[in-house]
Amino acid sequence: MVNLILNENMKIYRRWRTWVLVGILIVIVCTGSLLEWYYDNKEAQTTDGVWQNQVTEEMLDQKKELSNPDIQEGLREYYENQVAIHEYRLAHNIRPESDTMWDGINGSSELIVLITLIIVIIAGDSLASEFSTGTIKLLLIRPASRLKILISKYISVIIFGILLVVLLFISSVLLNGLLYQFEHLNIPLVSINSEGVVSEHNMVANLWKTYLLNSVSTIMFVTMAFMISAAFRSSSMAIGFSIFALFAGFISLELVHRYAWSKYVLFANIDLTQHLSGRPFHDGMTMTFSVTVLAVYYIIFSLVAWLMFTKRDVAA
C-alpha cells in the first residue's frame, strides 16, 4: 500500500498542471494580502489612526441605521450584533483585527474553496485518466487489489490537499506578518453567537478550527469527484460536475430553505463553520447532526466509487 501511495504521489507532482495550480494559489494569496495591506495603509493616512474613534464612528452609523423603521430584519440583526461587538471592544479595550496582520490571514482562510477546486481537478483526473490513456491495465496487472489501488489514489489526493492547506496557512502568516511587522499578535477574536452573547477566542486556535472545518467540505467534494470518475471514467465529467456542485449547490439552498427536508441536503451541512457562529442553516441543526449527515453521504459516495471501480470490467 505504501508503494502504491508513493507511486500516486509521484504522478501528481510530475504533472506540470499541478505546479501551475499551486502557483496560482500562491499568487492569489500574495495579491490579496498585498491589496489588503495597501488599502489599510491608505485608510490609516486619511484617519487619525486611533481605533477607538473608528469603532465609535462605525457604531454610531450603525445605530443610526437601526433607527430606520423600514430596515430589513436580516440587516437589523446584523447591525445589532455589530453594535454589541463594538461596545464590547470599547469596554474591554480590544482593538479589531482590521488593520492588523490577522485581517489578511483570516481573509486568506476563505481560499480553502480554491484549494477545494484544485483538489477536485486533481481527483477527477486521477482515476479517469488511467482509463483514457490505457494505463489502468498496468495498474491491474500488479498483485495489489483494485480496492488498494483505489484507496492509494484517494489517500494521495488527500495528502496533497493537506499540504496545500499547510502551504496556504504558512504563506499567509509569513507574508502578512512581514507586511504588518508582526504587530498585535496577541489580540483575541471577538464574536457573538445566536443568543447575543459576545465572547473572546484565541485567534490562532479559531483560525485553525476554521481551516479544519472548511477542509471537511474539501474531503466531501474529493470523494464525490472520485465517485463520478469511477462511475463514468471521464475526467471532464468528474471535474465539471464537481465544480458545478461546488458553486451551484450553495445557491440552490436559497430555493429550498423554506422546506424542512432541506436540512438533510448535503450542501446545507457541508459548511461546518456555521456552527462556530451559532447560526446554522436551520434552527435545531447541531454540529453532531451535520457530521452525521455528512458521514452518511460520505459512505454512499465511497460505496458507489468502490462498486463501480472494483466490480465493472476495466479491461477494455
C-alpha atoms as a PDB file:
ATOM      1  CA  MET A   1       0.000   0.000   0.000  1.00  0.00           C
ATOM      2  CA  VAL A   2       2.811   2.423   0.864  1.00  0.00           C
ATOM      3  CA  ASN A   3       4.476   1.889  -2.501  1.00  0.00           C
ATOM      4  CA  LEU A   4       1.168   2.454  -4.264  1.00  0.00           C
ATOM      5  CA  ILE A   5       0.649   5.739  -2.411  1.00  0.00           C
ATOM      6  CA  LEU A   6       4.207   6.857  -3.223  1.00  0.00           C
ATOM      7  CA  ASN A   7       3.631   5.976  -6.868  1.00  0.00           C
ATOM      8  CA  GLU A   8       0.398   8.013  -6.966  1.00  0.00           C
ATOM      9  CA  ASN A   9       2.112  10.968  -5.301  1.00  0.00           C
ATOM     10  CA  MET A  10       4.817  10.858  -7.972  1.00  0.00           C
ATOM     11  CA  LYS A  11       2.123  11.030 -10.645  1.00  0.00           C
ATOM     12  CA  ILE A  12       0.601  14.097  -9.015  1.00  0.00           C
ATOM     13  CA  TYR A  13       3.857  16.025  -8.595  1.00  0.00           C
ATOM     14  CA  ARG A  14       5.235  15.160 -12.037  1.00  0.00           C
ATOM     15  CA  ARG A  15       2.354  16.827 -13.836  1.00  0.00           C
ATOM     16  CA  TRP A  16       3.011  20.434 -14.860  1.00  0.00           C
ATOM     17  CA  ARG A  17      -0.639  21.242 -14.239  1.00  0.00           C
ATOM     18  CA  THR A  18      -0.172  20.529 -10.540  1.00  0.00           C
ATOM     19  CA  TRP A  19       2.527  23.152 -10.197  1.00  0.00           C
ATOM     20  CA  VAL A  20       0.556  25.663 -12.258  1.00  0.00           C
ATOM     21  CA  LEU A  21      -2.384  25.289  -9.852  1.00  0.00           C
ATOM     22  CA  VAL A  22      -0.081  25.629  -6.827  1.00  0.00           C
ATOM     23  CA  GLY A  23       1.473  28.735  -8.390  1.00  0.00           C
ATOM     24  CA  ILE A  24      -1.980  30.245  -8.947  1.00  0.00           C
ATOM     25  CA  LEU A  25      -2.812  29.641  -5.270  1.00  0.00           C
ATOM     26  CA  ILE A  26       0.361  31.399  -4.083  1.00  0.00           C
ATOM     27  CA  VAL A  27      -0.146  34.318  -6.482  1.00  0.00           C
ATOM     28  CA  ILE A  28      -3.711  34.834  -5.254  1.00  0.00           C
ATOM     29  CA  VAL A  29      -2.584  34.718  -1.601  1.00  0.00           C
ATOM     30  CA  CYS A  30       0.161  37.273  -2.279  1.00  0.00           C
ATOM     31  CA  THR A  31      -2.084  39.541  -4.345  1.00  0.00           C
ATOM     32  CA  GLY A  32      -4.909  39.504  -1.819  1.00  0.00           C
ATOM     33  CA  SER A  33      -2.575  40.170   1.125  1.00  0.00           C
ATOM     34  CA  LEU A  34      -0.762  42.998  -0.664  1.00  0.00           C
ATOM     35  CA  LEU A  35      -4.033  44.678  -1.643  1.00  0.00           C
ATOM     36  CA  GLU A  36      -5.349  44.386   1.913  1.00  0.00           C
ATOM     37  CA  TRP A  37      -2.145  45.895   3.289  1.00  0.00           C
ATOM     38  CA  TYR A  38      -2.171  48.695   0.720  1.00  0.00           C
ATOM     39  CA  TYR A  39      -5.745  49.772   1.464  1.00  0.00           C
ATOM     40  CA  ASP A  40      -5.147  49.519   5.224  1.00  0.00           C
ATOM     41  CA  ASN A  41      -2.205  51.902   4.902  1.00  0.00           C
ATOM     42  CA  LYS A  42      -4.201  54.225   2.665  1.00  0.00           C
ATOM     43  CA  GLU A  43      -7.069  54.307   5.158  1.00  0.00           C
ATOM     44  CA  ALA A  44      -4.680  54.939   8.046  1.00  0.00           C
ATOM     45  CA  GLN A  45      -3.365  58.034   6.258  1.00  0.00           C
ATOM     46  CA  THR A  46      -6.866  59.521   5.961  1.00  0.00           C
ATOM     47  CA  THR A  47      -7.821  58.911   9.611  1.00  0.00           C
ATOM     48  CA  ASP A  48      -6.269  59.745  12.932  1.00  0.00           C
ATOM     49  CA  GLY A  49      -5.241  56.115  13.371  1.00  0.00           C
ATOM     50  CA  VAL A  50      -6.976  55.746  16.759  1.00  0.00           C
ATOM     51  CA  TRP A  51      -9.013  52.558  16.557  1.00  0.00           C
ATOM     52  CA  GLN A  52     -11.391  53.633  19.357  1.00  0.00           C
ATOM     53  CA  ASN A  53     -12.508  56.614  17.279  1.00  0.00           C
ATOM     54  CA  GLN A  54     -13.018  54.467  14.212  1.00  0.00           C
ATOM     55  CA  VAL A  55     -15.046  51.877  16.140  1.00  0.00           C
ATOM     56  CA  THR A  56     -17.147  54.583  17.792  1.00  0.00           C
ATOM     57  CA  GLU A  57     -17.874  56.186  14.428  1.00  0.00           C
ATOM     58  CA  GLU A  58     -18.913  52.872  12.911  1.00  0.00           C
ATOM     59  CA  MET A  59     -21.124  52.131  15.918  1.00  0.00           C
ATOM     60  CA  LEU A  60     -22.891  55.490  15.681  1.00  0.00           C
ATOM     61  CA  ASP A  61     -23.530  54.952  11.956  1.00  0.00           C
ATOM     62  CA  GLN A  62     -24.988  51.505  12.646  1.00  0.00           C
ATOM     63  CA  LYS A  63     -27.222  52.824  15.435  1.00  0.00           C
ATOM     64  CA  LYS A  64     -28.473  55.450  13.018  1.00  0.00           C
ATOM     65  CA  GLU A  65     -29.372  52.697  10.552  1.00  0.00           C
ATOM     66  CA  LEU A  66     -31.175  50.808  13.323  1.00  0.00           C
ATOM     67  CA  SER A  67     -33.380  53.827  13.975  1.00  0.00           C
ATOM     68  CA  ASN A  68     -34.871  53.390  10.498  1.00  0.00           C
ATOM     69  CA  PRO A  69     -38.262  51.635  10.962  1.00  0.00           C
ATOM     70  CA  ASP A  70     -38.165  50.236   7.417  1.00  0.00           C
ATOM     71  CA  ILE A  71     -34.880  48.378   7.831  1.00  0.00           C
ATOM     72  CA  GLN A  72     -34.906  44.708   6.757  1.00  0.00           C
ATOM     73  CA  GLU A  73     -34.946  42.137   9.551  1.00  0.00           C
ATOM     74  CA  GLY A  74     -31.726  40.439   8.452  1.00  0.00           C
ATOM     75  CA  LEU A  75     -29.929  43.764   8.218  1.00  0.00           C
ATOM     76  CA  ARG A  76     -31.316  44.803  11.612  1.00  0.00           C
ATOM     77  CA  GLU A  77     -29.932  41.672  13.232  1.00  0.00           C
ATOM     78  CA  TYR A  78     -26.538  42.246  11.600  1.00  0.00           C
ATOM     79  CA  TYR A  79     -26.301  45.848  12.848  1.00  0.00           C
ATOM     80  CA  GLU A  80     -27.427  44.862  16.337  1.00  0.00           C
ATOM     81  CA  ASN A  81     -24.696  42.238  16.507  1.00  0.00           C
ATOM     82  CA  GLN A  82     -22.085  44.676  15.252  1.00  0.00           C
ATOM     83  CA  VAL A  83     -23.102  47.297  17.803  1.00  0.00           C
ATOM     84  CA  ALA A  84     -22.839  44.714  20.599  1.00  0.00           C
ATOM     85  CA  ILE A  85     -19.345  43.735  19.422  1.00  0.00           C
ATOM     86  CA  HIS A  86     -18.249  47.374  19.174  1.00  0.00           C
ATOM     87  CA  GLU A  87     -19.488  48.104  22.692  1.00  0.00           C
ATOM     88  CA  TYR A  88     -17.621  45.062  23.994  1.00  0.00           C
ATOM     89  CA  ARG A  89     -14.406  46.157  22.275  1.00  0.00           C
ATOM     90  CA  LEU A  90     -14.602  49.651  23.741  1.00  0.00           C
ATOM     91  CA  ALA A  91     -15.455  48.348  27.215  1.00  0.00           C
ATOM     92  CA  HIS A  92     -12.575  45.846  27.263  1.00  0.00           C
ATOM     93  CA  ASN A  93     -10.070  47.860  25.176  1.00  0.00           C
ATOM     94  CA  ILE A  94      -9.793  45.210  22.438  1.00  0.00           C
ATOM     95  CA  ARG A  95      -8.929  46.582  19.017  1.00  0.00           C
ATOM     96  CA  PRO A  96     -10.492  44.971  15.923  1.00  0.00           C
ATOM     97  CA  GLU A  97      -8.379  42.674  13.757  1.00  0.00           C
ATOM     98  CA  SER A  98      -8.786  45.047  10.816  1.00  0.00           C
ATOM     99  CA  ASP A  99      -5.605  46.993  10.010  1.00  0.00           C
ATOM    100  CA  THR A 100      -3.550  44.132  11.508  1.00  0.00           C
ATOM    101  CA  MET A 101      -1.896  41.021  10.114  1.00  0.00           C
ATOM    102  CA  TRP A 102      -4.884  38.950  11.262  1.00  0.00           C
ATOM    103  CA  ASP A 103      -7.173  40.697   8.811  1.00  0.00           C
ATOM    104  CA  GLY A 104      -5.217  39.340   5.847  1.00  0.00           C
ATOM    105  CA  ILE A 105      -4.698  35.913   7.437  1.00  0.00           C
ATOM    106  CA  ASN A 106      -8.392  35.481   8.194  1.00  0.00           C
ATOM    107  CA  GLY A 107      -9.200  36.596   4.673  1.00  0.00           C
ATOM    108  CA  SER A 108      -6.800  34.014   3.239  1.00  0.00           C
ATOM    109  CA  SER A 109      -8.674  31.240   5.060  1.00  0.00           C
ATOM    110  CA  GLU A 110     -11.527  31.815   2.619  1.00  0.00           C
ATOM    111  CA  LEU A 111      -9.215  30.466  -0.100  1.00  0.00           C
ATOM    112  CA  ILE A 112      -9.959  26.949   1.130  1.00  0.00           C
ATOM    113  CA  VAL A 113     -12.589  26.975  -1.607  1.00  0.00           C
ATOM    114  CA  LEU A 114      -9.774  27.471  -4.140  1.00  0.00           C
ATOM    115  CA  ILE A 115      -7.908  24.513  -2.640  1.00  0.00           C
ATOM    116  CA  THR A 116     -11.113  22.510  -2.994  1.00  0.00           C
ATOM    117  CA  LEU A 117     -11.260  23.480  -6.647  1.00  0.00           C
ATOM    118  CA  ILE A 118      -7.635  22.416  -7.185  1.00  0.00           C
ATOM    119  CA  ILE A 119      -8.099  19.095  -5.392  1.00  0.00           C
ATOM    120  CA  VAL A 120     -11.302  18.343  -7.309  1.00  0.00           C
ATOM    121  CA  ILE A 121      -9.408  18.820 -10.591  1.00  0.00           C
ATOM    122  CA  ILE A 122      -6.617  16.514  -9.405  1.00  0.00           C
ATOM    123  CA  ALA A 123      -9.044  13.913  -8.021  1.00  0.00           C
ATOM    124  CA  GLY A 124     -11.309  13.903 -11.055  1.00  0.00           C
ATOM    125  CA  ASP A 125      -8.354  13.317 -13.357  1.00  0.00           C
ATOM    126  CA  SER A 126      -6.510  10.857 -11.101  1.00  0.00           C
ATOM    127  CA  LEU A 127      -8.749   7.882 -11.795  1.00  0.00           C
ATOM    128  CA  ALA A 128     -10.451   8.711 -15.093  1.00  0.00           C
ATOM    129  CA  SER A 129      -7.163   9.500 -16.871  1.00  0.00           C
ATOM    130  CA  GLU A 130      -5.996   5.931 -16.218  1.00  0.00           C
ATOM    131  CA  PHE A 131      -8.865   4.697 -18.398  1.00  0.00           C
ATOM    132  CA  SER A 132      -8.498   7.320 -21.123  1.00  0.00           C
ATOM    133  CA  THR A 133      -4.763   6.690 -21.515  1.00  0.00           C
ATOM    134  CA  GLY A 134      -4.974   2.924 -21.043  1.00  0.00           C
ATOM    135  CA  THR A 135      -2.509   2.899 -18.120  1.00  0.00           C
ATOM    136  CA  ILE A 136      -5.183   1.266 -15.948  1.00  0.00           C
ATOM    137  CA  LYS A 137      -4.061  -2.081 -17.410  1.00  0.00           C
ATOM    138  CA  LEU A 138      -0.570  -1.561 -15.998  1.00  0.00           C
ATOM    139  CA  LEU A 139      -2.053  -0.994 -12.561  1.00  0.00           C
ATOM    140  CA  LEU A 140      -4.319  -4.036 -12.674  1.00  0.00           C
ATOM    141  CA  ILE A 141      -1.555  -6.475 -13.581  1.00  0.00           C
ATOM    142  CA  ARG A 142       0.092  -5.705 -10.250  1.00  0.00           C
ATOM    143  CA  PRO A 143      -0.546  -8.014  -7.299  1.00  0.00           C
ATOM    144  CA  ALA A 144      -2.374  -5.237  -5.464  1.00  0.00           C
ATOM    145  CA  SER A 145      -6.172  -5.466  -5.417  1.00  0.00           C
ATOM    146  CA  ARG A 146      -8.394  -2.919  -7.087  1.00  0.00           C
ATOM    147  CA  LEU A 147      -9.543  -1.700  -3.692  1.00  0.00           C
ATOM    148  CA  LYS A 148      -5.963  -0.943  -2.663  1.00  0.00           C
ATOM    149  CA  ILE A 149      -5.377   0.892  -5.933  1.00  0.00           C
ATOM    150  CA  LEU A 150      -8.483   2.988  -5.374  1.00  0.00           C
ATOM    151  CA  ILE A 151      -7.573   3.752  -1.744  1.00  0.00           C
ATOM    152  CA  SER A 152      -3.990   4.662  -2.652  1.00  0.00           C
ATOM    153  CA  LYS A 153      -5.224   7.187  -5.209  1.00  0.00           C
ATOM    154  CA  TYR A 154      -7.679   8.626  -2.721  1.00  0.00           C
ATOM    155  CA  ILE A 155      -5.111   8.916   0.086  1.00  0.00           C
ATOM    156  CA  SER A 156      -2.531  10.530  -2.189  1.00  0.00           C
ATOM    157  CA  VAL A 157      -5.013  13.236  -3.214  1.00  0.00           C
ATOM    158  CA  ILE A 158      -5.998  13.867   0.419  1.00  0.00           C
ATOM    159  CA  ILE A 159      -2.313  14.173   1.387  1.00  0.00           C
ATOM    160  CA  PHE A 160      -1.808  16.672  -1.421  1.00  0.00           C
ATOM    161  CA  GLY A 161      -4.806  18.638  -0.133  1.00  0.00           C
ATOM    162  CA  ILE A 162      -3.366  18.710   3.392  1.00  0.00           C
ATOM    163  CA  LEU A 163      -0.080  20.035   2.025  1.00  0.00           C
ATOM    164  CA  LEU A 164      -1.937  22.804   0.193  1.00  0.00           C
ATOM    165  CA  VAL A 165      -3.768  23.820   3.382  1.00  0.00           C
ATOM    166  CA  VAL A 166      -0.465  23.961   5.285  1.00  0.00           C
ATOM    167  CA  LEU A 167       1.099  25.927   2.418  1.00  0.00           C
ATOM    168  CA  LEU A 168      -1.805  28.380   2.459  1.00  0.00           C
ATOM    169  CA  PHE A 169      -1.507  28.913   6.209  1.00  0.00           C
ATOM    170  CA  ILE A 170       2.285  29.313   6.287  1.00  0.00           C
ATOM    171  CA  SER A 171       2.474  31.620   3.256  1.00  0.00           C
ATOM    172  CA  SER A 172      -0.382  33.753   4.586  1.00  0.00           C
ATOM    173  CA  VAL A 173       1.119  34.096   8.081  1.00  0.00           C
ATOM    174  CA  LEU A 174       4.614  34.876   6.797  1.00  0.00           C
ATOM    175  CA  LEU A 175       3.543  37.378   4.163  1.00  0.00           C
ATOM    176  CA  ASN A 176       1.028  39.238   6.332  1.00  0.00           C
ATOM    177  CA  GLY A 177       3.389  39.099   9.292  1.00  0.00           C
ATOM    178  CA  LEU A 178       6.153  40.733   7.275  1.00  0.00           C
ATOM    179  CA  LEU A 179       3.812  43.342   5.816  1.00  0.00           C
ATOM    180  CA  TYR A 180       2.439  44.317   9.228  1.00  0.00           C
ATOM    181  CA  GLN A 181       5.754  43.697  11.034  1.00  0.00           C
ATOM    182  CA  PHE A 182       4.133  41.037  13.267  1.00  0.00           C
ATOM    183  CA  GLU A 183       2.317  43.646  15.358  1.00  0.00           C
ATOM    184  CA  HIS A 184      -0.754  42.896  17.504  1.00  0.00           C
ATOM    185  CA  LEU A 185      -0.037  39.179  17.680  1.00  0.00           C
ATOM    186  CA  ASN A 186      -1.994  38.682  20.887  1.00  0.00           C
ATOM    187  CA  ILE A 187      -5.315  40.349  20.095  1.00  0.00           C
ATOM    188  CA  PRO A 188      -8.293  37.988  20.542  1.00  0.00           C
ATOM    189  CA  LEU A 189     -11.102  37.350  18.119  1.00  0.00           C
ATOM    190  CA  VAL A 190     -14.365  38.878  19.356  1.00  0.00           C
ATOM    191  CA  SER A 191     -17.570  37.224  18.119  1.00  0.00           C
ATOM    192  CA  ILE A 192     -21.240  36.965  19.021  1.00  0.00           C
ATOM    193  CA  ASN A 193     -23.410  33.841  18.986  1.00  0.00           C
ATOM    194  CA  SER A 194     -27.066  33.396  18.074  1.00  0.00           C
ATOM    195  CA  GLU A 195     -28.111  34.188  21.656  1.00  0.00           C
ATOM    196  CA  GLY A 196     -26.407  37.577  21.540  1.00  0.00           C
ATOM    197  CA  VAL A 197     -23.546  36.633  23.858  1.00  0.00           C
ATOM    198  CA  VAL A 198     -20.232  38.296  22.982  1.00  0.00           C
ATOM    199  CA  SER A 199     -17.094  36.287  23.733  1.00  0.00           C
ATOM    200  CA  GLU A 200     -13.351  36.244  23.083  1.00  0.00           C
ATOM    201  CA  HIS A 201     -11.447  33.477  21.285  1.00  0.00           C
ATOM    202  CA  ASN A 202      -7.796  32.766  20.629  1.00  0.00           C
ATOM    203  CA  MET A 203      -7.060  33.974  17.115  1.00  0.00           C
ATOM    204  CA  VAL A 204      -4.753  31.120  16.066  1.00  0.00           C
ATOM    205  CA  ALA A 205      -6.957  28.403  17.571  1.00  0.00           C
ATOM    206  CA  ASN A 206     -10.062  29.823  15.911  1.00  0.00           C
ATOM    207  CA  LEU A 207      -8.209  30.157  12.614  1.00  0.00           C
ATOM    208  CA  TRP A 208      -7.088  26.527  12.621  1.00  0.00           C
ATOM    209  CA  LYS A 209     -10.571  25.433  13.651  1.00  0.00           C
ATOM    210  CA  THR A 210     -11.912  27.310  10.635  1.00  0.00           C
ATOM    211  CA  TYR A 211      -9.291  25.686   8.384  1.00  0.00           C
ATOM    212  CA  LEU A 212     -10.137  22.205   9.652  1.00  0.00           C
ATOM    213  CA  LEU A 213     -13.892  22.644   9.388  1.00  0.00           C
ATOM    214  CA  ASN A 214     -13.611  24.102   5.890  1.00  0.00           C
ATOM    215  CA  SER A 215     -11.391  21.168   4.925  1.00  0.00           C
ATOM    216  CA  VAL A 216     -14.306  18.819   5.586  1.00  0.00           C
ATOM    217  CA  SER A 217     -16.062  20.245   2.535  1.00  0.00           C
ATOM    218  CA  THR A 218     -12.900  19.608   0.516  1.00  0.00           C
ATOM    219  CA  ILE A 219     -12.913  15.939   1.528  1.00  0.00           C
ATOM    220  CA  MET A 220     -16.590  15.608   0.594  1.00  0.00           C
ATOM    221  CA  PHE A 221     -16.095  17.137  -2.858  1.00  0.00           C
ATOM    222  CA  VAL A 222     -12.998  14.995  -3.470  1.00  0.00           C
ATOM    223  CA  THR A 223     -14.972  11.871  -2.573  1.00  0.00           C
ATOM    224  CA  MET A 224     -17.745  12.992  -4.903  1.00  0.00           C
ATOM    225  CA  ALA A 225     -15.246  13.546  -7.712  1.00  0.00           C
ATOM    226  CA  PHE A 226     -13.818  10.049  -7.186  1.00  0.00           C
ATOM    227  CA  MET A 227     -17.306   8.562  -7.301  1.00  0.00           C
ATOM    228  CA  ILE A 228     -18.150  10.294 -10.587  1.00  0.00           C
ATOM    229  CA  SER A 229     -14.736   9.470 -12.032  1.00  0.00           C
ATOM    230  CA  ALA A 230     -15.163   5.777 -11.176  1.00  0.00           C
ATOM    231  CA  ALA A 231     -18.732   5.677 -12.466  1.00  0.00           C
ATOM    232  CA  PHE A 232     -18.256   7.456 -15.794  1.00  0.00           C
ATOM    233  CA  ARG A 233     -14.494   7.119 -16.333  1.00  0.00           C
ATOM    234  CA  SER A 234     -14.460  10.674 -17.613  1.00  0.00           C
ATOM    235  CA  SER A 235     -12.139  13.349 -16.259  1.00  0.00           C
ATOM    236  CA  SER A 236     -14.161  16.179 -17.754  1.00  0.00           C
ATOM    237  CA  MET A 237     -17.434  14.882 -16.279  1.00  0.00           C
ATOM    238  CA  ALA A 238     -15.924  14.269 -12.837  1.00  0.00           C
ATOM    239  CA  ILE A 239     -14.265  17.682 -12.738  1.00  0.00           C
ATOM    240  CA  GLY A 240     -17.127  19.562 -14.369  1.00  0.00           C
ATOM    241  CA  PHE A 241     -19.917  18.092 -12.257  1.00  0.00           C
ATOM    242  CA  SER A 242     -17.973  18.519  -9.013  1.00  0.00           C
ATOM    243  CA  ILE A 243     -17.158  22.161  -9.799  1.00  0.00           C
ATOM    244  CA  PHE A 244     -20.780  22.772 -10.759  1.00  0.00           C
ATOM    245  CA  ALA A 245     -21.900  21.247  -7.451  1.00  0.00           C
ATOM    246  CA  LEU A 246     -19.332  23.345  -5.584  1.00  0.00           C
ATOM    247  CA  PHE A 247     -20.822  26.625  -6.787  1.00  0.00           C
ATOM    248  CA  ALA A 248     -24.426  25.799  -7.684  1.00  0.00           C
ATOM    249  CA  GLY A 249     -25.125  23.707  -4.594  1.00  0.00           C
ATOM    250  CA  PHE A 250     -24.974  26.600  -2.165  1.00  0.00           C
ATOM    251  CA  ILE A 251     -27.026  28.847  -4.459  1.00  0.00           C
ATOM    252  CA  SER A 252     -29.787  26.238  -4.666  1.00  0.00           C
ATOM    253  CA  LEU A 253     -30.094  26.220  -0.868  1.00  0.00           C
ATOM    254  CA  GLU A 254     -31.877  29.564  -1.006  1.00  0.00           C
ATOM    255  CA  LEU A 255     -34.597  27.972  -3.120  1.00  0.00           C
ATOM    256  CA  VAL A 256     -35.290  25.100  -0.710  1.00  0.00           C
ATOM    257  CA  HIS A 257     -34.597  26.814   2.606  1.00  0.00           C
ATOM    258  CA  ARG A 258     -38.285  27.084   3.447  1.00  0.00           C
ATOM    259  CA  TYR A 259     -38.724  23.292   3.325  1.00  0.00           C
ATOM    260  CA  ALA A 260     -37.989  21.270   6.471  1.00  0.00           C
ATOM    261  CA  TRP A 261     -36.333  18.465   4.496  1.00  0.00           C
ATOM    262  CA  SER A 262     -33.675  20.838   3.166  1.00  0.00           C
ATOM    263  CA  LYS A 263     -31.645  20.350   6.345  1.00  0.00           C
ATOM    264  CA  TYR A 264     -30.779  16.869   5.063  1.00  0.00           C
ATOM    265  CA  VAL A 265     -29.300  18.222   1.824  1.00  0.00           C
ATOM    266  CA  LEU A 266     -25.530  17.793   1.541  1.00  0.00           C
ATOM    267  CA  PHE A 267     -24.829  21.479   0.950  1.00  0.00           C
ATOM    268  CA  ALA A 268     -26.826  22.553   4.000  1.00  0.00           C
ATOM    269  CA  ASN A 269     -24.385  20.662   6.227  1.00  0.00           C
ATOM    270  CA  ILE A 270     -21.100  20.844   4.355  1.00  0.00           C
ATOM    271  CA  ASP A 271     -20.140  24.234   5.836  1.00  0.00           C
ATOM    272  CA  LEU A 272     -19.421  23.280   9.440  1.00  0.00           C
ATOM    273  CA  THR A 273     -18.247  26.786  10.305  1.00  0.00           C
ATOM    274  CA  GLN A 274     -21.917  27.747  10.562  1.00  0.00           C
ATOM    275  CA  HIS A 275     -21.884  26.101  13.983  1.00  0.00           C
ATOM    276  CA  LEU A 276     -18.946  28.240  15.135  1.00  0.00           C
ATOM    277  CA  SER A 277     -21.036  31.362  14.740  1.00  0.00           C
ATOM    278  CA  GLY A 278     -24.130  29.702  16.178  1.00  0.00           C
ATOM    279  CA  ARG A 279     -26.140  30.381  13.016  1.00  0.00           C
ATOM    280  CA  PRO A 280     -26.977  27.035  11.406  1.00  0.00           C
ATOM    281  CA  PHE A 281     -28.880  26.699   8.146  1.00  0.00           C
ATOM    282  CA  HIS A 282     -31.985  25.575  10.040  1.00  0.00           C
ATOM    283  CA  ASP A 283     -32.943  26.084  13.667  1.00  0.00           C
ATOM    284  CA  GLY A 284     -32.155  22.984  15.684  1.00  0.00           C
ATOM    285  CA  MET A 285     -29.271  21.846  13.489  1.00  0.00           C
ATOM    286  CA  THR A 286     -26.199  20.989  15.563  1.00  0.00           C
ATOM    287  CA  MET A 287     -22.623  20.037  14.841  1.00  0.00           C
ATOM    288  CA  THR A 288     -23.444  16.404  15.634  1.00  0.00           C
ATOM    289  CA  PHE A 289     -26.389  16.466  13.220  1.00  0.00           C
ATOM    290  CA  SER A 290     -24.319  17.918  10.366  1.00  0.00           C
ATOM    291  CA  VAL A 291     -21.437  15.485  10.935  1.00  0.00           C
ATOM    292  CA  THR A 292     -23.893  12.564  10.926  1.00  0.00           C
ATOM    293  CA  VAL A 293     -25.479  13.712   7.654  1.00  0.00           C
ATOM    294  CA  LEU A 294     -22.055  14.189   6.062  1.00  0.00           C
ATOM    295  CA  ALA A 295     -20.985  10.733   7.255  1.00  0.00           C
ATOM    296  CA  VAL A 296     -23.999   9.171   5.507  1.00  0.00           C
ATOM    297  CA  TYR A 297     -23.199  10.978   2.244  1.00  0.00           C
ATOM    298  CA  TYR A 298     -19.528  10.040   2.581  1.00  0.00           C
ATOM    299  CA  ILE A 299     -20.356   6.354   2.968  1.00  0.00           C
ATOM    300  CA  ILE A 300     -22.682   6.468  -0.057  1.00  0.00           C
ATOM    301  CA  PHE A 301     -20.083   8.204  -2.255  1.00  0.00           C
ATOM    302  CA  SER A 302     -17.364   5.769  -1.143  1.00  0.00           C
ATOM    303  CA  LEU A 303     -19.530   2.679  -1.709  1.00  0.00           C
ATOM    304  CA  VAL A 304     -20.536   3.812  -5.195  1.00  0.00           C
ATOM    305  CA  ALA A 305     -16.901   4.537  -6.125  1.00  0.00           C
ATOM    306  CA  TRP A 306     -15.796   1.162  -4.735  1.00  0.00           C
ATOM    307  CA  LEU A 307     -18.542  -0.799  -6.520  1.00  0.00           C
ATOM    308  CA  MET A 308     -18.004   0.956  -9.842  1.00  0.00           C
ATOM    309  CA  PHE A 309     -14.241   0.546  -9.805  1.00  0.00           C
ATOM    310  CA  THR A 310     -13.955  -2.987  -8.426  1.00  0.00           C
ATOM    311  CA  LYS A 311     -16.974  -4.687  -9.987  1.00  0.00           C
ATOM    312  CA  ARG A 312     -17.044  -3.311 -13.514  1.00  0.00           C
ATOM    313  CA  ASP A 313     -14.915  -4.657 -16.320  1.00  0.00           C
ATOM    314  CA  VAL A 314     -11.965  -2.329 -16.828  1.00  0.00           C
ATOM    315  CA  ALA A 315     -10.029  -4.443 -19.304  1.00  0.00           C
ATOM    316  CA  ALA A 316     -11.362  -2.631 -22.329  1.00  0.00           C
END
